[in-house]
C-alpha atoms as a PDB file:
ATOM      1  CA  UNK A   1     -86.013 132.539 -25.728  1.00  0.00           C
ATOM      2  CA  UNK A   2     -87.144 134.309 -22.607  1.00  0.00           C
ATOM      3  CA  UNK A   3     -84.556 135.890 -20.464  1.00  0.00           C
ATOM      4  CA  UNK A   4     -85.109 135.732 -16.733  1.00  0.00           C
ATOM      5  CA  UNK A   5     -85.051 139.082 -14.961  1.00  0.00           C
ATOM      6  CA  UNK A   6     -82.920 139.612 -11.933  1.00  0.00           C
ATOM      7  CA  UNK A   7     -83.483 142.323  -9.381  1.00  0.00           C
ATOM      8  CA  UNK A   8     -81.340 143.561  -6.506  1.00  0.00           C
ATOM      9  CA  UNK A   9     -82.255 145.339  -3.423  1.00  0.00           C
ATOM     10  CA  UNK A  10     -80.080 147.605  -1.293  1.00  0.00           C
ATOM     11  CA  UNK A  11     -80.846 148.355   2.379  1.00  0.00           C
ATOM     12  CA  UNK A  12     -78.875 150.996   4.324  1.00  0.00           C
ATOM     13  CA  UNK A  13     -78.764 152.055   7.913  1.00  0.00           C
ATOM     14  CA  UNK A  14     -80.510 149.169   9.350  1.00  0.00           C
ATOM     15  CA  UNK A  15     -79.940 148.109  12.916  1.00  0.00           C
ATOM     16  CA  UNK A  16     -79.534 144.704  14.280  1.00  0.00           C
ATOM     17  CA  UNK A  17     -82.912 143.027  14.793  1.00  0.00           C
ATOM     18  CA  UNK A  18     -84.645 145.133  12.162  1.00  0.00           C
ATOM     19  CA  UNK A  19     -86.545 143.430   9.211  1.00  0.00           C
ATOM     20  CA  UNK A  20     -86.830 144.699   5.742  1.00  0.00           C
ATOM     21  CA  UNK A  21     -89.695 143.476   3.481  1.00  0.00           C
ATOM     22  CA  UNK A  22     -89.765 143.869  -0.248  1.00  0.00           C
ATOM     23  CA  UNK A  23     -91.753 142.578  -3.303  1.00  0.00           C
ATOM     24  CA  UNK A  24     -90.357 141.724  -6.648  1.00  0.00           C
ATOM     25  CA  UNK A  25     -92.680 141.722  -9.661  1.00  0.00           C
ATOM     26  CA  UNK A  26     -91.496 138.942 -11.954  1.00  0.00           C
ATOM     27  CA  UNK A  27     -93.030 136.800 -14.718  1.00  0.00           C
ATOM     28  CA  UNK A  28     -95.543 134.765 -13.245  1.00  0.00           C
ATOM     29  CA  UNK A  29     -96.504 136.913 -10.200  1.00  0.00           C
ATOM     30  CA  UNK A  30     -95.048 138.799  -7.411  1.00  0.00           C
ATOM     31  CA  UNK A  31     -92.632 137.433  -4.871  1.00  0.00           C
ATOM     32  CA  UNK A  32     -92.643 138.797  -1.328  1.00  0.00           C
ATOM     33  CA  UNK A  33     -89.484 138.365   0.776  1.00  0.00           C
ATOM     34  CA  UNK A  34     -88.353 139.362   4.311  1.00  0.00           C
ATOM     35  CA  UNK A  35     -84.698 139.950   5.239  1.00  0.00           C
ATOM     36  CA  UNK A  36     -83.633 139.842   8.927  1.00  0.00           C
ATOM     37  CA  UNK A  37     -80.765 142.375   9.532  1.00  0.00           C
ATOM     38  CA  UNK A  38     -78.205 141.005  11.857  1.00  0.00           C
ATOM     39  CA  UNK A  39     -74.604 142.013  12.678  1.00  0.00           C
ATOM     40  CA  UNK A  40     -72.338 139.512  14.340  1.00  0.00           C
ATOM     41  CA  UNK A  41     -73.937 136.560  15.829  1.00  0.00           C
ATOM     42  CA  UNK A  42     -75.427 137.383  19.244  1.00  0.00           C
ATOM     43  CA  UNK A  43     -72.955 136.498  21.907  1.00  0.00           C
ATOM     44  CA  UNK A  44     -69.881 136.672  19.611  1.00  0.00           C
ATOM     45  CA  UNK A  45     -66.707 138.412  20.581  1.00  0.00           C
ATOM     46  CA  UNK A  46     -66.162 141.644  18.536  1.00  0.00           C
ATOM     47  CA  UNK A  47     -62.986 142.828  20.328  1.00  0.00           C
ATOM     48  CA  UNK A  48     -60.086 142.305  22.608  1.00  0.00           C
ATOM     49  CA  UNK A  49     -57.708 144.646  24.335  1.00  0.00           C
ATOM     50  CA  UNK A  50     -54.975 144.269  27.121  1.00  0.00           C
ATOM     51  CA  UNK A  51     -54.497 146.460  30.057  1.00  0.00           C
ATOM     52  CA  UNK A  52     -50.997 147.278  28.763  1.00  0.00           C
ATOM     53  CA  UNK A  53     -49.504 147.626  25.211  1.00  0.00           C
ATOM     54  CA  UNK A  54     -45.982 147.571  26.655  1.00  0.00           C
ATOM     55  CA  UNK A  55     -44.260 146.792  29.951  1.00  0.00           C
ATOM     56  CA  UNK A  56     -40.814 145.976  31.534  1.00  0.00           C
ATOM     57  CA  UNK A  57     -40.340 142.791  33.484  1.00  0.00           C
ATOM     58  CA  UNK A  58     -37.217 141.780  35.405  1.00  0.00           C
ATOM     59  CA  UNK A  59     -35.548 138.428  34.655  1.00  0.00           C
ATOM     60  CA  UNK A  60     -36.989 136.147  37.279  1.00  0.00           C
ATOM     61  CA  UNK A  61     -39.839 138.567  37.922  1.00  0.00           C
ATOM     62  CA  UNK A  62     -43.332 138.506  36.741  1.00  0.00           C
ATOM     63  CA  UNK A  63     -46.342 140.593  35.845  1.00  0.00           C
ATOM     64  CA  UNK A  64     -49.978 139.788  35.080  1.00  0.00           C
ATOM     65  CA  UNK A  65     -51.630 141.073  32.008  1.00  0.00           C
ATOM     66  CA  UNK A  66     -55.407 141.384  31.820  1.00  0.00           C
ATOM     67  CA  UNK A  67     -57.721 141.205  28.880  1.00  0.00           C
ATOM     68  CA  UNK A  68     -60.996 143.103  28.186  1.00  0.00           C
ATOM     69  CA  UNK A  69     -63.430 141.229  25.857  1.00  0.00           C
ATOM     70  CA  UNK A  70     -66.132 143.012  23.845  1.00  0.00           C
ATOM     71  CA  UNK A  71     -68.939 142.713  24.308  1.00  0.00           C
ATOM     72  CA  UNK A  72     -68.675 142.139  28.039  1.00  0.00           C
ATOM     73  CA  UNK A  73     -71.331 139.464  27.767  1.00  0.00           C
ATOM     74  CA  UNK A  74     -69.772 137.503  24.995  1.00  0.00           C
ATOM     75  CA  UNK A  75     -70.589 133.833  25.221  1.00  0.00           C
ATOM     76  CA  UNK A  76     -67.087 132.457  24.777  1.00  0.00           C
ATOM     77  CA  UNK A  77     -64.517 134.598  26.446  1.00  0.00           C
ATOM     78  CA  UNK A  78     -61.748 132.054  26.241  1.00  0.00           C
ATOM     79  CA  UNK A  79     -58.270 133.496  25.563  1.00  0.00           C
ATOM     80  CA  UNK A  80     -55.012 131.674  24.649  1.00  0.00           C
ATOM     81  CA  UNK A  81     -51.725 133.335  25.506  1.00  0.00           C
ATOM     82  CA  UNK A  82     -48.454 132.963  23.680  1.00  0.00           C
ATOM     83  CA  UNK A  83     -44.948 134.556  23.690  1.00  0.00           C
ATOM     84  CA  UNK A  84     -43.111 135.135  20.442  1.00  0.00           C
ATOM     85  CA  UNK A  85     -39.896 134.398  22.150  1.00  0.00           C
ATOM     86  CA  UNK A  86     -40.441 131.872  24.937  1.00  0.00           C
ATOM     87  CA  UNK A  87     -36.716 131.782  25.529  1.00  0.00           C
ATOM     88  CA  UNK A  88     -37.015 135.306  26.923  1.00  0.00           C
ATOM     89  CA  UNK A  89     -40.380 135.336  28.533  1.00  0.00           C
ATOM     90  CA  UNK A  90     -43.200 132.790  29.271  1.00  0.00           C
ATOM     91  CA  UNK A  91     -46.860 133.368  29.640  1.00  0.00           C
ATOM     92  CA  UNK A  92     -49.311 131.136  31.430  1.00  0.00           C
ATOM     93  CA  UNK A  93     -53.044 130.543  30.734  1.00  0.00           C
ATOM     94  CA  UNK A  94     -54.134 133.417  33.003  1.00  0.00           C
ATOM     95  CA  UNK A  95     -51.724 136.006  31.388  1.00  0.00           C
ATOM     96  CA  UNK A  96     -48.948 135.962  33.881  1.00  0.00           C
ATOM     97  CA  UNK A  97     -45.625 136.881  32.238  1.00  0.00           C
ATOM     98  CA  UNK A  98     -42.403 135.568  33.696  1.00  0.00           C
ATOM     99  CA  UNK A  99     -39.009 136.849  32.778  1.00  0.00           C
ATOM    100  CA  UNK A 100     -36.404 134.161  31.625  1.00  0.00           C
ATOM    101  CA  UNK A 101     -33.712 136.210  29.942  1.00  0.00           C
ATOM    102  CA  UNK A 102     -33.013 139.841  28.834  1.00  0.00           C
ATOM    103  CA  UNK A 103     -34.430 141.105  25.618  1.00  0.00           C
ATOM    104  CA  UNK A 104     -37.656 141.837  24.013  1.00  0.00           C
ATOM    105  CA  UNK A 105     -40.624 139.694  23.166  1.00  0.00           C
ATOM    106  CA  UNK A 106     -44.260 140.050  22.090  1.00  0.00           C
ATOM    107  CA  UNK A 107     -47.122 138.587  24.276  1.00  0.00           C
ATOM    108  CA  UNK A 108     -50.134 137.780  22.360  1.00  0.00           C
ATOM    109  CA  UNK A 109     -53.701 137.173  23.613  1.00  0.00           C
ATOM    110  CA  UNK A 110     -55.979 135.493  21.089  1.00  0.00           C
ATOM    111  CA  UNK A 111     -59.723 134.935  21.423  1.00  0.00           C
ATOM    112  CA  UNK A 112     -61.089 131.394  20.819  1.00  0.00           C
ATOM    113  CA  UNK A 113     -64.207 133.001  19.268  1.00  0.00           C
ATOM    114  CA  UNK A 114     -62.993 134.745  16.069  1.00  0.00           C
ATOM    115  CA  UNK A 115     -59.303 134.556  16.541  1.00  0.00           C
ATOM    116  CA  UNK A 116     -58.974 138.215  17.416  1.00  0.00           C
ATOM    117  CA  UNK A 117     -55.544 139.294  18.956  1.00  0.00           C
ATOM    118  CA  UNK A 118     -54.170 141.913  21.374  1.00  0.00           C
ATOM    119  CA  UNK A 119     -50.430 142.385  21.880  1.00  0.00           C
ATOM    120  CA  UNK A 120     -48.016 143.611  24.512  1.00  0.00           C
ATOM    121  CA  UNK A 121     -44.263 144.313  23.858  1.00  0.00           C
ATOM    122  CA  UNK A 122     -42.435 143.147  26.890  1.00  0.00           C
ATOM    123  CA  UNK A 123     -38.816 144.341  27.615  1.00  0.00           C
ATOM    124  CA  UNK A 124     -36.925 141.971  29.860  1.00  0.00           C
ATOM    125  CA  UNK A 125     -34.118 143.379  31.999  1.00  0.00           C
ATOM    126  CA  UNK A 126     -31.424 141.873  34.289  1.00  0.00           C
ATOM    127  CA  UNK A 127     -31.735 143.302  37.741  1.00  0.00           C
ATOM    128  CA  UNK A 128     -28.261 142.271  38.560  1.00  0.00           C
ATOM    129  CA  UNK A 129     -25.394 141.259  36.338  1.00  0.00           C
ATOM    130  CA  UNK A 130     -25.480 137.351  35.962  1.00  0.00           C
ATOM    131  CA  UNK A 131     -23.736 135.625  38.951  1.00  0.00           C
ATOM    132  CA  UNK A 132     -23.844 138.850  41.187  1.00  0.00           C
ATOM    133  CA  UNK A 133     -25.242 138.543  44.575  1.00  0.00           C
ATOM    134  CA  UNK A 134     -26.287 141.590  46.602  1.00  0.00           C
ATOM    135  CA  UNK A 135     -24.111 142.612  49.681  1.00  0.00           C
ATOM    136  CA  UNK A 136     -25.765 143.884  52.795  1.00  0.00           C
ATOM    137  CA  UNK A 137     -24.288 146.906  54.420  1.00  0.00           C
ATOM    138  CA  UNK A 138     -25.609 148.709  57.444  1.00  0.00           C
ATOM    139  CA  UNK A 139     -26.688 152.308  57.588  1.00  0.00           C
ATOM    140  CA  UNK A 140     -28.196 154.617  60.304  1.00  0.00           C
ATOM    141  CA  UNK A 141     -31.745 154.165  58.824  1.00  0.00           C
ATOM    142  CA  UNK A 142     -31.555 150.469  58.353  1.00  0.00           C
ATOM    143  CA  UNK A 143     -30.285 148.083  55.882  1.00  0.00           C
ATOM    144  CA  UNK A 144     -28.837 149.216  52.671  1.00  0.00           C
ATOM    145  CA  UNK A 145     -28.207 146.821  49.771  1.00  0.00           C
ATOM    146  CA  UNK A 146     -25.235 147.352  47.519  1.00  0.00           C
ATOM    147  CA  UNK A 147     -24.985 145.932  44.118  1.00  0.00           C
END
């Protein structure tokens, strides 16, 4: 009974776009093969980051978060946004975070290509105690607001 011989080839330190050729001597002749070395598919997203990893937003206020997608020329740069606690803060499709109630939440940006994520911890604060309205008082230099 003849046993089929298997061989393995290892290639190190190749860069994307390079090709490696090798030959295997096996029973019945020589087989020539070529391997094309590729990293991630051209145009694929390899990373995402946000302009902030933490921020504070007042209840009723808002702040825009921005993403940076790598590589800059990735084909699909679509990002979906979500809030871990939408009862505290909402986030729209452009990354605009709006404070709903005091507390802490996590805002997550996820790439459509590859599902990579970046996060920002958002602390939501009350500007004024609930139901309190500012009172205007006058001063020499102009209007002064008392809380």
